[in-house]
Amino acid sequence: MSTLERTYGDGKRAPPVKVLSGQLRAAGIRGAADSGEGYMIRAGRGRSLRVSLVWMQGTVLEVQLDRNTVLLMDETGTFAVQGVNNIPKGKPCLLPGKYVMVMGVVQAVSPEPVIRAVKMADLSEFAALHRQMWKLEVEELQQIGSEKTSHLSEGRS
């Protein structure tokens, strides 16, 4: 089963997990990313969260259209995004200095996280606000996500 097809027990597709590049860099491998197992990240308060489909935000540092790749940086480090030439409406995002969101499948976590893009959007218009809120969004949603995951694994809904 591909990562994009992975579902919860109730048949709903698992949403992308908001993460920081530093969390992916420190992740432990649970299984092949495409198997749906993904990577284990630390989600705070001693909890772990399994991720394979992620939502990240960062500033475009470098664009390599010939390699179908862009290098982004968030507050915890850099990460590469592959497959950018195939993203509908992704071209406006591909300029150095743009602040963008990317949703995609984790391909690697070391030495640098690599994401295969599924969607990209330009957030530059309100970049200051997005940057300021991003870490708080990540922390809050990971807390909720790790609580939901623990309830599901314990047979509760």
N, C-alpha and C. Protein backbone atom coordinates (compact mmCIF):
# COMPACT_ATOMS: atom_id res chain seq x y z
N MET A 1 0.85 -1.18 0.00
CA MET A 1 0.00 0.00 0.00
C MET A 1 0.89 1.23 0.00
N SER A 2 0.62 2.16 -0.90
CA SER A 2 1.43 3.36 -0.93
C SER A 2 1.07 4.27 0.23
N THR A 3 1.97 5.19 0.54
CA THR A 3 1.74 6.12 1.64
C THR A 3 0.48 6.93 1.43
N LEU A 4 0.21 7.34 0.21
CA LEU A 4 -0.95 8.16 -0.05
C LEU A 4 -2.25 7.38 0.10
N GLU A 5 -2.17 6.05 0.08
CA GLU A 5 -3.35 5.22 0.22
C GLU A 5 -3.55 4.74 1.65
N ARG A 6 -2.59 4.98 2.54
CA ARG A 6 -2.67 4.51 3.91
C ARG A 6 -3.90 5.09 4.59
N THR A 7 -4.61 4.27 5.33
CA THR A 7 -5.82 4.74 5.99
C THR A 7 -5.82 4.34 7.45
N TYR A 8 -6.67 5.01 8.22
CA TYR A 8 -6.94 4.62 9.59
C TYR A 8 -7.90 3.44 9.56
N GLY A 9 -8.14 2.84 10.70
CA GLY A 9 -9.06 1.72 10.80
C GLY A 9 -10.47 2.06 10.34
N ASP A 10 -10.88 3.31 10.42
CA ASP A 10 -12.22 3.70 10.02
C ASP A 10 -12.31 4.02 8.53
N GLY A 11 -11.25 3.77 7.77
CA GLY A 11 -11.25 3.98 6.33
C GLY A 11 -10.85 5.36 5.88
N LYS A 12 -10.61 6.28 6.81
CA LYS A 12 -10.20 7.64 6.44
C LYS A 12 -8.71 7.67 6.17
N ARG A 13 -8.32 8.45 5.15
CA ARG A 13 -6.91 8.60 4.80
C ARG A 13 -6.19 9.38 5.89
N ALA A 14 -4.99 8.94 6.26
CA ALA A 14 -4.18 9.65 7.25
C ALA A 14 -3.74 10.98 6.65
N PRO A 15 -3.93 12.07 7.39
CA PRO A 15 -3.53 13.38 6.87
C PRO A 15 -2.02 13.56 6.94
N PRO A 16 -1.48 14.52 6.19
CA PRO A 16 -0.05 14.79 6.31
C PRO A 16 0.25 15.32 7.70
N VAL A 17 1.44 15.02 8.20
CA VAL A 17 1.86 15.47 9.52
C VAL A 17 2.75 16.70 9.33
N LYS A 18 2.45 17.76 10.05
CA LYS A 18 3.28 18.97 9.99
C LYS A 18 4.56 18.70 10.76
N VAL A 19 5.72 18.89 10.10
CA VAL A 19 7.01 18.61 10.73
C VAL A 19 8.03 19.69 10.41
N LEU A 20 9.07 19.71 11.21
CA LEU A 20 10.23 20.57 10.97
C LEU A 20 11.35 19.70 10.42
N SER A 21 12.23 20.28 9.63
CA SER A 21 13.31 19.50 9.02
C SER A 21 14.20 18.86 10.08
N GLY A 22 14.44 19.54 11.20
CA GLY A 22 15.26 18.97 12.26
C GLY A 22 14.67 17.71 12.86
N GLN A 23 13.34 17.62 12.91
CA GLN A 23 12.70 16.41 13.41
C GLN A 23 12.94 15.25 12.46
N LEU A 24 12.87 15.51 11.16
CA LEU A 24 13.12 14.44 10.19
C LEU A 24 14.58 14.00 10.24
N ARG A 25 15.48 14.97 10.36
CA ARG A 25 16.91 14.65 10.40
C ARG A 25 17.24 13.72 11.57
N ALA A 26 16.50 13.86 12.66
CA ALA A 26 16.73 13.04 13.86
C ALA A 26 15.82 11.81 13.92
N ALA A 27 15.04 11.57 12.86
CA ALA A 27 14.06 10.48 12.87
C ALA A 27 14.70 9.10 12.84
N GLY A 28 13.97 8.16 13.38
CA GLY A 28 14.36 6.76 13.31
C GLY A 28 13.50 6.08 12.26
N ILE A 29 14.07 5.13 11.56
CA ILE A 29 13.33 4.43 10.50
C ILE A 29 12.49 3.33 11.12
N ARG A 30 11.21 3.33 10.79
CA ARG A 30 10.29 2.30 11.28
C ARG A 30 10.11 1.23 10.20
N GLY A 31 10.19 1.62 8.96
CA GLY A 31 10.02 0.72 7.83
C GLY A 31 10.22 1.53 6.56
N ALA A 32 10.09 0.90 5.42
CA ALA A 32 10.24 1.64 4.16
C ALA A 32 9.16 2.71 4.08
N ALA A 33 9.52 3.91 3.71
CA ALA A 33 8.56 5.02 3.67
C ALA A 33 7.38 4.69 2.77
N ASP A 34 7.62 4.06 1.64
CA ASP A 34 6.52 3.74 0.72
C ASP A 34 5.64 2.60 1.22
N SER A 35 6.08 1.88 2.27
CA SER A 35 5.27 0.79 2.79
C SER A 35 4.16 1.30 3.69
N GLY A 36 4.20 2.61 4.02
CA GLY A 36 3.23 3.16 4.94
C GLY A 36 3.74 3.16 6.36
N GLU A 37 4.86 2.51 6.60
CA GLU A 37 5.43 2.49 7.94
C GLU A 37 6.07 3.83 8.28
N GLY A 38 6.88 4.36 7.37
CA GLY A 38 7.44 5.68 7.53
C GLY A 38 8.56 5.78 8.54
N TYR A 39 8.67 6.95 9.14
CA TYR A 39 9.75 7.28 10.06
C TYR A 39 9.15 7.71 11.39
N MET A 40 9.86 7.45 12.47
CA MET A 40 9.40 7.85 13.80
C MET A 40 10.10 9.15 14.18
N ILE A 41 9.30 10.18 14.47
CA ILE A 41 9.86 11.45 14.92
C ILE A 41 9.48 11.67 16.38
N ARG A 42 10.26 12.50 17.05
CA ARG A 42 9.92 12.89 18.42
C ARG A 42 8.90 14.01 18.34
N ALA A 43 7.77 13.81 18.99
CA ALA A 43 6.68 14.77 18.92
C ALA A 43 6.53 15.57 20.21
N GLY A 44 7.54 15.58 21.04
CA GLY A 44 7.49 16.33 22.29
C GLY A 44 6.91 15.52 23.42
N ARG A 45 7.22 15.94 24.63
CA ARG A 45 6.75 15.26 25.84
C ARG A 45 7.05 13.77 25.83
N GLY A 46 8.17 13.39 25.24
CA GLY A 46 8.59 11.99 25.22
C GLY A 46 7.78 11.10 24.30
N ARG A 47 6.95 11.68 23.47
CA ARG A 47 6.12 10.89 22.55
C ARG A 47 6.78 10.79 21.18
N SER A 48 6.40 9.75 20.46
CA SER A 48 6.86 9.56 19.09
C SER A 48 5.65 9.54 18.18
N LEU A 49 5.89 9.90 16.93
CA LEU A 49 4.82 9.94 15.94
C LEU A 49 5.37 9.38 14.64
N ARG A 50 4.62 8.49 14.03
CA ARG A 50 5.04 7.90 12.75
C ARG A 50 4.63 8.82 11.61
N VAL A 51 5.57 9.12 10.71
CA VAL A 51 5.28 10.01 9.58
C VAL A 51 5.80 9.42 8.28
N SER A 52 5.09 9.66 7.23
CA SER A 52 5.56 9.34 5.88
C SER A 52 5.08 10.42 4.92
N LEU A 53 3.83 10.88 5.09
CA LEU A 53 3.30 11.99 4.32
C LEU A 53 3.38 13.22 5.21
N VAL A 54 4.12 14.24 4.77
CA VAL A 54 4.39 15.39 5.63
C VAL A 54 3.98 16.70 4.96
N TRP A 55 3.81 17.70 5.81
CA TRP A 55 3.54 19.07 5.40
C TRP A 55 4.65 19.89 6.04
N MET A 56 5.39 20.61 5.21
CA MET A 56 6.50 21.42 5.69
C MET A 56 6.40 22.82 5.09
N GLN A 57 7.08 23.77 5.72
CA GLN A 57 7.15 25.13 5.22
C GLN A 57 8.59 25.60 5.31
N GLY A 58 8.97 26.46 4.38
CA GLY A 58 10.32 27.00 4.41
C GLY A 58 10.55 28.01 3.31
N THR A 59 11.74 28.60 3.37
CA THR A 59 12.16 29.59 2.40
C THR A 59 12.98 28.92 1.31
N VAL A 60 12.70 29.23 0.06
CA VAL A 60 13.44 28.67 -1.06
C VAL A 60 14.85 29.27 -1.06
N LEU A 61 15.85 28.39 -0.99
CA LEU A 61 17.25 28.82 -1.05
C LEU A 61 17.83 28.67 -2.44
N GLU A 62 17.52 27.55 -3.06
CA GLU A 62 18.14 27.22 -4.35
C GLU A 62 17.17 26.41 -5.20
N VAL A 63 17.11 26.73 -6.48
CA VAL A 63 16.24 26.02 -7.42
C VAL A 63 17.11 25.36 -8.48
N GLN A 64 16.92 24.07 -8.68
CA GLN A 64 17.65 23.31 -9.69
C GLN A 64 16.64 22.60 -10.59
N LEU A 65 16.06 23.35 -11.52
CA LEU A 65 15.02 22.79 -12.37
C LEU A 65 15.52 21.63 -13.22
N ASP A 66 16.81 21.69 -13.62
CA ASP A 66 17.37 20.59 -14.40
C ASP A 66 17.44 19.29 -13.59
N ARG A 67 17.47 19.40 -12.26
CA ARG A 67 17.49 18.22 -11.38
C ARG A 67 16.12 18.00 -10.73
N ASN A 68 15.11 18.84 -11.12
CA ASN A 68 13.75 18.68 -10.62
C ASN A 68 13.69 18.82 -9.09
N THR A 69 14.56 19.69 -8.55
CA THR A 69 14.74 19.81 -7.11
C THR A 69 14.81 21.26 -6.66
N VAL A 70 14.37 21.51 -5.43
CA VAL A 70 14.51 22.81 -4.80
C VAL A 70 15.00 22.58 -3.38
N LEU A 71 15.85 23.48 -2.89
CA LEU A 71 16.36 23.39 -1.52
C LEU A 71 15.64 24.44 -0.69
N LEU A 72 15.04 24.00 0.41
CA LEU A 72 14.31 24.90 1.30
C LEU A 72 14.99 24.93 2.67
N MET A 73 14.68 25.97 3.45
CA MET A 73 15.20 26.06 4.80
C MET A 73 14.09 26.51 5.74
N ASP A 74 13.93 25.76 6.84
CA ASP A 74 13.04 26.22 7.91
C ASP A 74 13.91 26.59 9.09
N GLU A 75 13.33 26.89 10.23
CA GLU A 75 14.12 27.37 11.36
C GLU A 75 15.04 26.31 11.96
N THR A 76 14.88 25.05 11.55
CA THR A 76 15.72 23.99 12.11
C THR A 76 16.73 23.42 11.12
N GLY A 77 16.74 23.92 9.89
CA GLY A 77 17.71 23.45 8.91
C GLY A 77 17.16 23.40 7.50
N THR A 78 17.93 22.78 6.63
CA THR A 78 17.55 22.69 5.22
C THR A 78 16.93 21.34 4.90
N PHE A 79 16.20 21.31 3.80
CA PHE A 79 15.64 20.06 3.29
C PHE A 79 15.43 20.20 1.79
N ALA A 80 15.53 19.09 1.09
CA ALA A 80 15.38 19.07 -0.36
C ALA A 80 13.98 18.60 -0.73
N VAL A 81 13.46 19.17 -1.79
CA VAL A 81 12.16 18.77 -2.31
C VAL A 81 12.36 18.35 -3.76
N GLN A 82 12.00 17.11 -4.06
CA GLN A 82 12.13 16.57 -5.42
C GLN A 82 10.78 16.56 -6.11
N GLY A 83 10.82 16.49 -7.44
CA GLY A 83 9.60 16.39 -8.24
C GLY A 83 8.88 17.70 -8.43
N VAL A 84 9.57 18.81 -8.24
CA VAL A 84 8.92 20.12 -8.29
C VAL A 84 8.42 20.50 -9.68
N ASN A 85 9.03 19.96 -10.72
CA ASN A 85 8.60 20.29 -12.08
C ASN A 85 7.24 19.67 -12.41
N ASN A 86 6.81 18.69 -11.61
CA ASN A 86 5.56 17.98 -11.88
C ASN A 86 4.39 18.48 -11.05
N ILE A 87 4.59 19.50 -10.24
CA ILE A 87 3.55 20.00 -9.35
C ILE A 87 2.69 21.03 -10.08
N PRO A 88 1.37 20.78 -10.16
CA PRO A 88 0.49 21.77 -10.78
C PRO A 88 0.57 23.09 -10.01
N LYS A 89 0.69 24.17 -10.71
CA LYS A 89 0.77 25.52 -10.14
C LYS A 89 1.98 25.70 -9.21
N GLY A 90 2.98 24.83 -9.33
CA GLY A 90 4.15 24.92 -8.47
C GLY A 90 5.20 25.90 -8.96
N LYS A 91 5.19 26.22 -10.23
CA LYS A 91 6.22 27.09 -10.81
C LYS A 91 6.35 28.45 -10.13
N PRO A 92 5.25 29.13 -9.75
CA PRO A 92 5.42 30.42 -9.09
C PRO A 92 6.17 30.33 -7.76
N CYS A 93 6.20 29.14 -7.16
CA CYS A 93 6.89 28.95 -5.88
C CYS A 93 8.39 28.82 -6.04
N LEU A 94 8.85 28.59 -7.24
CA LEU A 94 10.23 28.19 -7.47
C LEU A 94 11.17 29.36 -7.72
N LEU A 95 11.20 30.29 -6.78
CA LEU A 95 12.11 31.42 -6.85
C LEU A 95 12.79 31.59 -5.50
N PRO A 96 14.12 31.79 -5.49
CA PRO A 96 14.81 32.00 -4.21
C PRO A 96 14.17 33.15 -3.42
N GLY A 97 14.01 32.92 -2.13
CA GLY A 97 13.42 33.92 -1.25
C GLY A 97 11.94 33.72 -0.99
N LYS A 98 11.26 32.94 -1.84
CA LYS A 98 9.83 32.69 -1.62
C LYS A 98 9.65 31.83 -0.37
N TYR A 99 8.58 32.08 0.37
CA TYR A 99 8.22 31.26 1.52
C TYR A 99 7.09 30.36 1.06
N VAL A 100 7.29 29.04 1.13
CA VAL A 100 6.35 28.09 0.55
C VAL A 100 5.98 26.98 1.53
N MET A 101 4.85 26.35 1.24
CA MET A 101 4.49 25.11 1.92
C MET A 101 4.65 24.01 0.90
N VAL A 102 5.03 22.85 1.39
CA VAL A 102 5.14 21.68 0.54
C VAL A 102 4.54 20.49 1.28
N MET A 103 3.74 19.73 0.57
CA MET A 103 3.22 18.49 1.10
C MET A 103 3.84 17.40 0.24
N GLY A 104 4.32 16.34 0.89
CA GLY A 104 4.93 15.28 0.12
C GLY A 104 5.30 14.07 0.96
N VAL A 105 5.89 13.11 0.28
CA VAL A 105 6.27 11.84 0.88
C VAL A 105 7.75 11.88 1.24
N VAL A 106 8.07 11.48 2.45
CA VAL A 106 9.46 11.46 2.89
C VAL A 106 10.21 10.37 2.13
N GLN A 107 11.29 10.78 1.46
CA GLN A 107 12.13 9.84 0.71
C GLN A 107 13.37 9.45 1.51
N ALA A 108 13.89 10.39 2.29
CA ALA A 108 15.10 10.16 3.09
C ALA A 108 15.11 11.15 4.25
N VAL A 109 15.83 10.80 5.31
CA VAL A 109 15.94 11.71 6.44
C VAL A 109 17.39 12.09 6.74
N SER A 110 18.33 11.34 6.19
CA SER A 110 19.74 11.58 6.49
C SER A 110 20.56 11.46 5.22
N PRO A 111 21.57 12.29 5.03
CA PRO A 111 22.06 13.32 5.94
C PRO A 111 21.17 14.55 5.96
N GLU A 112 20.31 14.68 4.95
CA GLU A 112 19.39 15.81 4.87
C GLU A 112 18.03 15.26 4.45
N PRO A 113 16.95 15.76 5.05
CA PRO A 113 15.63 15.29 4.63
C PRO A 113 15.36 15.56 3.15
N VAL A 114 14.73 14.58 2.51
CA VAL A 114 14.33 14.70 1.11
C VAL A 114 12.85 14.33 1.03
N ILE A 115 12.08 15.22 0.43
CA ILE A 115 10.63 15.04 0.29
C ILE A 115 10.30 14.98 -1.20
N ARG A 116 9.45 14.03 -1.60
CA ARG A 116 8.93 14.00 -2.97
C ARG A 116 7.62 14.78 -2.96
N ALA A 117 7.59 15.92 -3.63
CA ALA A 117 6.46 16.84 -3.58
C ALA A 117 5.20 16.26 -4.20
N VAL A 118 4.09 16.52 -3.54
CA VAL A 118 2.76 16.22 -4.05
C VAL A 118 2.04 17.53 -4.33
N LYS A 119 2.30 18.53 -3.47
CA LYS A 119 1.66 19.84 -3.60
C LYS A 119 2.60 20.90 -3.07
N MET A 120 2.58 22.07 -3.70
CA MET A 120 3.32 23.23 -3.21
C MET A 120 2.41 24.45 -3.34
N ALA A 121 2.61 25.41 -2.42
CA ALA A 121 1.86 26.66 -2.49
C ALA A 121 2.75 27.79 -1.99
N ASP A 122 2.60 28.94 -2.62
CA ASP A 122 3.36 30.13 -2.25
C ASP A 122 2.67 30.83 -1.08
N LEU A 123 3.37 30.97 0.03
CA LEU A 123 2.84 31.65 1.21
C LEU A 123 3.54 32.98 1.44
N SER A 124 4.25 33.47 0.44
CA SER A 124 5.09 34.66 0.59
C SER A 124 4.32 35.92 0.97
N GLU A 125 3.07 36.03 0.54
CA GLU A 125 2.32 37.26 0.81
C GLU A 125 2.22 37.55 2.31
N PHE A 126 2.06 36.52 3.11
CA PHE A 126 1.99 36.68 4.56
C PHE A 126 3.10 35.88 5.23
N ALA A 127 4.29 35.90 4.64
CA ALA A 127 5.42 35.08 5.11
C ALA A 127 5.76 35.34 6.57
N ALA A 128 5.76 36.58 7.01
CA ALA A 128 6.13 36.88 8.40
C ALA A 128 5.18 36.18 9.36
N LEU A 129 3.90 36.24 9.09
CA LEU A 129 2.91 35.59 9.94
C LEU A 129 3.07 34.07 9.89
N HIS A 130 3.22 33.51 8.68
CA HIS A 130 3.37 32.05 8.54
C HIS A 130 4.62 31.56 9.27
N ARG A 131 5.74 32.26 9.13
CA ARG A 131 6.97 31.86 9.82
C ARG A 131 6.78 31.88 11.33
N GLN A 132 6.16 32.94 11.81
CA GLN A 132 5.96 33.11 13.24
C GLN A 132 5.08 32.00 13.82
N MET A 133 4.07 31.58 13.10
CA MET A 133 3.11 30.61 13.60
C MET A 133 3.51 29.16 13.35
N TRP A 134 4.42 28.91 12.41
CA TRP A 134 4.67 27.56 11.95
C TRP A 134 5.10 26.61 13.07
N LYS A 135 6.07 26.97 13.86
CA LYS A 135 6.55 26.07 14.92
C LYS A 135 5.43 25.76 15.92
N LEU A 136 4.61 26.76 16.24
CA LEU A 136 3.49 26.53 17.15
C LEU A 136 2.46 25.58 16.54
N GLU A 137 2.18 25.75 15.25
CA GLU A 137 1.25 24.83 14.56
C GLU A 137 1.78 23.41 14.60
N VAL A 138 3.06 23.25 14.30
CA VAL A 138 3.67 21.93 14.28
C VAL A 138 3.55 21.29 15.65
N GLU A 139 3.94 22.01 16.69
CA GLU A 139 3.89 21.45 18.05
C GLU A 139 2.47 21.07 18.45
N GLU A 140 1.51 21.95 18.20
CA GLU A 140 0.13 21.66 18.60
C GLU A 140 -0.44 20.47 17.85
N LEU A 141 -0.28 20.43 16.54
CA LEU A 141 -0.87 19.35 15.77
C LEU A 141 -0.18 18.02 16.00
N GLN A 142 1.12 18.04 16.29
CA GLN A 142 1.79 16.78 16.61
C GLN A 142 1.30 16.24 17.95
N GLN A 143 1.04 17.12 18.88
CA GLN A 143 0.51 16.70 20.17
C GLN A 143 -0.84 16.02 19.98
N ILE A 144 -1.70 16.64 19.19
CA ILE A 144 -3.02 16.06 18.91
C ILE A 144 -2.86 14.75 18.14
N GLY A 145 -1.95 14.74 17.14
CA GLY A 145 -1.73 13.54 16.33
C GLY A 145 -1.19 12.39 17.13
N SER A 146 -0.25 12.65 18.04
CA SER A 146 0.32 11.55 18.83
C SER A 146 -0.70 11.02 19.82
N GLU A 147 -1.59 11.89 20.32
CA GLU A 147 -2.65 11.42 21.21
C GLU A 147 -3.65 10.55 20.46
N LYS A 148 -4.01 10.96 19.24
CA LYS A 148 -4.95 10.17 18.44
C LYS A 148 -4.34 8.82 18.08
N THR A 149 -3.06 8.84 17.69
CA THR A 149 -2.38 7.60 17.34
C THR A 149 -2.35 6.63 18.53
N SER A 150 -2.06 7.15 19.73
CA SER A 150 -2.00 6.27 20.89
C SER A 150 -3.39 5.72 21.21
N HIS A 151 -4.45 6.50 21.02
CA HIS A 151 -5.81 6.00 21.25
C HIS A 151 -6.16 4.91 20.24
N LEU A 152 -5.77 5.11 18.98
CA LEU A 152 -6.06 4.10 17.95
C LEU A 152 -5.33 2.80 18.24
N SER A 153 -4.06 2.90 18.66
CA SER A 153 -3.29 1.69 18.92
C SER A 153 -3.78 0.96 20.15
N GLU A 154 -4.49 1.67 21.03
CA GLU A 154 -5.05 1.03 22.23
C GLU A 154 -6.47 0.53 22.00
N GLY A 155 -6.97 0.67 20.77
CA GLY A 155 -8.29 0.19 20.43
C GLY A 155 -9.40 1.16 20.74
N ARG A 156 -9.06 2.40 21.12
CA ARG A 156 -10.06 3.42 21.39
C ARG A 156 -10.19 4.33 20.17
N SER A 157 -11.30 4.98 20.03
CA SER A 157 -11.44 5.95 18.93
C SER A 157 -11.76 7.32 19.43
